[in-house]
Amino acid sequence: MASLPIPAKMYFDDFSFDLVTYSIKRDSKIIASAQGLSNRGSSGPYISFLIDTDIEVNDVLITADNENFIVTRVSYDTYNGEKELIKAYY
């Protein structure tokens, strides 16, 4: 878990031109769609989502171009001690 220097919403607003819309597939059903930001850290590649996004291990994240990413691990970043960002590693 890392600490964010600014609120996650502000981070997403600053990088809005890089946001990608993902369909979230769980148990063979699309359960939601959400915007995320791709990134890579020391633990590997991940997609960040705002905390109100329902993401679990084994979910499949699907882009409009039909790219598929299987979530292998989830971690959180905080701002002022509160979880604000979900990192979905794939």
Protein backbone atom coordinates (compact mmCIF):
# COMPACT_ATOMS: atom_id res chain seq x y z
CA MET A 1 0.00 0.00 0.00
CA ALA A 2 1.35 3.39 -1.00
CA SER A 3 0.37 6.88 0.03
CA LEU A 4 -0.83 9.27 -2.67
CA PRO A 5 0.40 12.90 -2.67
CA ILE A 6 -3.01 14.12 -3.94
CA PRO A 7 -6.57 12.73 -3.86
CA ALA A 8 -7.14 9.93 -6.40
CA LYS A 9 -9.93 11.87 -8.14
CA MET A 10 -7.52 14.75 -8.77
CA TYR A 11 -4.93 12.26 -10.08
CA PHE A 12 -7.52 10.86 -12.52
CA ASP A 13 -8.54 14.38 -13.59
CA ASP A 14 -4.88 15.27 -14.26
CA PHE A 15 -4.47 12.22 -16.51
CA SER A 16 -7.96 12.17 -18.03
CA PHE A 17 -6.48 12.00 -21.56
CA ASP A 18 -4.97 8.58 -20.66
CA LEU A 19 -8.12 7.05 -19.14
CA VAL A 20 -9.35 3.84 -20.75
CA THR A 21 -12.83 2.41 -20.23
CA TYR A 22 -12.78 -1.24 -19.16
CA SER A 23 -15.64 -3.71 -18.96
CA ILE A 24 -15.31 -5.84 -15.83
CA LYS A 25 -16.16 -9.48 -16.39
CA ARG A 26 -16.73 -11.83 -13.47
CA ASP A 27 -18.00 -15.41 -13.70
CA SER A 28 -18.56 -15.01 -17.47
CA LYS A 29 -20.78 -11.92 -17.00
CA ILE A 30 -20.02 -8.24 -17.52
CA ILE A 31 -20.79 -6.71 -14.11
CA ALA A 32 -19.70 -3.10 -14.67
CA SER A 33 -17.55 -0.72 -16.63
CA ALA A 34 -15.02 1.71 -15.19
CA GLN A 35 -12.27 4.03 -16.28
CA GLY A 36 -8.71 3.13 -15.38
CA LEU A 37 -5.11 4.18 -15.87
CA SER A 38 -2.40 1.73 -16.92
CA ASN A 39 0.91 1.84 -15.09
CA ARG A 40 3.88 -0.31 -14.12
CA GLY A 41 5.61 -0.51 -10.76
CA SER A 42 8.23 -2.67 -9.10
CA SER A 43 5.57 -5.38 -8.63
CA GLY A 44 4.62 -5.40 -12.32
CA PRO A 45 1.95 -3.90 -14.57
CA TYR A 46 -1.39 -2.79 -13.17
CA ILE A 47 -4.47 -0.72 -13.92
CA SER A 48 -5.58 1.87 -11.35
CA PHE A 49 -9.26 2.47 -10.59
CA LEU A 50 -11.03 4.74 -8.15
CA ILE A 51 -11.91 2.99 -4.89
CA ASP A 52 -15.64 2.72 -5.64
CA THR A 53 -14.89 0.24 -8.45
CA ASP A 54 -15.66 -3.42 -7.68
CA ILE A 55 -12.53 -5.35 -8.74
CA GLU A 56 -11.56 -8.83 -7.54
CA VAL A 57 -8.82 -11.34 -8.30
CA ASN A 58 -9.73 -13.39 -11.41
CA ASP A 59 -11.90 -10.63 -12.90
CA VAL A 60 -11.21 -9.96 -16.57
CA LEU A 61 -10.77 -6.34 -17.66
CA ILE A 62 -11.72 -5.80 -21.30
CA THR A 63 -10.99 -2.74 -23.45
CA ALA A 64 -13.05 -1.51 -26.40
CA ASP A 65 -10.31 -3.01 -28.62
CA ASN A 66 -11.03 -6.39 -26.98
CA GLU A 67 -7.76 -6.54 -25.04
CA ASN A 68 -8.20 -8.79 -22.00
CA PHE A 69 -6.36 -8.50 -18.67
CA ILE A 70 -6.87 -11.11 -15.94
CA VAL A 71 -6.55 -9.61 -12.45
CA THR A 72 -3.98 -11.62 -10.45
CA ARG A 73 -3.66 -9.36 -7.41
CA VAL A 74 -5.28 -6.27 -5.93
CA SER A 75 -3.67 -3.63 -3.72
CA TYR A 76 -4.67 -0.17 -2.56
CA ASP A 77 -3.17 3.31 -2.39
CA THR A 78 -4.28 5.74 0.28
CA TYR A 79 -4.64 9.48 0.70
CA ASN A 80 -4.67 10.86 4.26
CA GLY A 81 -4.97 7.30 5.57
CA GLU A 82 -8.08 6.44 3.52
CA LYS A 83 -8.13 3.95 0.63
CA GLU A 84 -8.73 5.88 -2.59
CA LEU A 85 -7.18 3.86 -5.42
CA ILE A 86 -7.34 0.19 -6.41
CA LYS A 87 -4.39 -1.30 -8.27
CA ALA A 88 -5.49 -4.31 -10.34
CA TYR A 89 -2.32 -6.24 -11.25
CA TYR A 90 -2.46 -8.51 -14.26
